[in-house]
Protein backbone atom coordinates (compact mmCIF):
# COMPACT_ATOMS: atom_id res chain seq x y z
CA UNK A 1 80.94 32.54 14.81
CA UNK A 2 80.27 30.47 17.61
CA UNK A 3 77.15 29.49 19.32
CA UNK A 4 75.58 26.60 20.12
CA UNK A 5 75.28 24.88 24.41
CA UNK A 6 76.47 22.05 26.11
CA UNK A 7 74.96 19.66 23.97
CA UNK A 8 71.72 18.36 23.42
CA UNK A 9 71.89 15.95 25.87
CA UNK A 10 73.51 17.26 27.95
CA UNK A 11 70.13 19.74 27.69
CA UNK A 12 67.49 16.86 27.99
CA UNK A 13 66.45 16.78 23.86
CA UNK A 14 64.16 13.78 23.88
CA UNK A 15 65.44 10.33 23.02
CA UNK A 16 63.80 10.45 19.57
CA UNK A 17 64.87 13.88 18.88
CA UNK A 18 68.58 12.84 20.36
CA UNK A 19 68.83 9.83 18.21
CA UNK A 20 68.22 12.02 14.84
CA UNK A 21 70.44 14.96 16.00
CA UNK A 22 73.35 11.70 16.44
CA UNK A 23 72.72 10.21 12.74
CA UNK A 24 74.27 11.18 10.42
CA UNK A 25 72.52 9.95 8.01
CA UNK A 26 69.66 11.13 9.03
CA UNK A 27 70.48 14.55 10.72
CA UNK A 28 73.60 15.45 7.53
CA UNK A 29 75.65 16.25 10.36
CA UNK A 30 76.04 17.62 13.81
CA UNK A 31 76.83 20.85 15.32
CA UNK A 32 77.78 22.18 12.11
CA UNK A 33 74.28 21.47 10.18
CA UNK A 34 72.81 22.34 13.29
CA UNK A 35 74.45 25.51 14.47
CA UNK A 36 76.10 27.06 11.45
CA UNK A 37 72.61 28.24 9.44
CA UNK A 38 73.13 30.75 11.87
CA UNK A 39 76.47 32.15 11.57
CA UNK A 40 75.33 32.43 8.16
CA UNK A 41 72.31 34.63 9.05
CA UNK A 42 73.79 36.34 10.29
CA UNK A 43 76.45 37.27 7.98
CA UNK A 44 74.01 38.05 5.47
CA UNK A 45 72.79 40.67 7.36
CA UNK A 46 75.39 41.97 8.60
CA UNK A 47 76.20 42.02 4.50
CA UNK A 48 73.59 43.53 4.04
CA UNK A 49 72.93 40.38 1.32
CA UNK A 50 76.57 40.53 -0.19
CA UNK A 51 77.92 37.15 -0.48
CA UNK A 52 80.92 36.25 1.27
CA UNK A 53 84.05 35.93 -0.08
CA UNK A 54 85.30 33.10 0.86
CA UNK A 55 83.43 30.41 4.19
CA UNK A 56 85.79 28.24 6.50
CA UNK A 57 84.48 26.27 9.07
CA UNK A 58 86.22 24.12 11.29
CA UNK A 59 84.26 21.31 13.61
CA UNK A 60 85.28 18.59 15.88
CA UNK A 61 84.86 15.68 18.45
CA UNK A 62 85.06 16.96 21.57
CA UNK A 63 82.67 14.35 23.35
CA UNK A 64 83.65 11.33 20.73
CA UNK A 65 81.89 8.94 24.07
CA UNK A 66 79.05 10.66 23.99
CA UNK A 67 78.57 11.74 20.18
CA UNK A 68 80.77 8.97 18.06
CA UNK A 69 79.13 10.25 15.01
CA UNK A 70 78.93 13.45 13.96
CA UNK A 71 81.14 16.53 15.30
CA UNK A 72 79.54 17.97 18.22
CA UNK A 73 82.20 20.98 18.15
CA UNK A 74 82.01 23.21 15.23
CA UNK A 75 83.44 26.89 14.68
CA UNK A 76 82.75 28.99 11.15
CA UNK A 77 84.21 32.28 9.61
């Protein structure tokens, strides 16, 4: 699954929320933590509640100058 948006700063989230989203200690991560749950929910529904045999996630930073402390791109399967 691959979903998301241009980035929290780019879509105009408030400064306090942006600070929280981009702080790995407060938020726990970046895009993976922010959007990862949607893919898990969809996969669980598609598999009629069965657990997957394996899970893979790839994270990266495509905007390290904007989000230097967290991943801002993720793909999972």
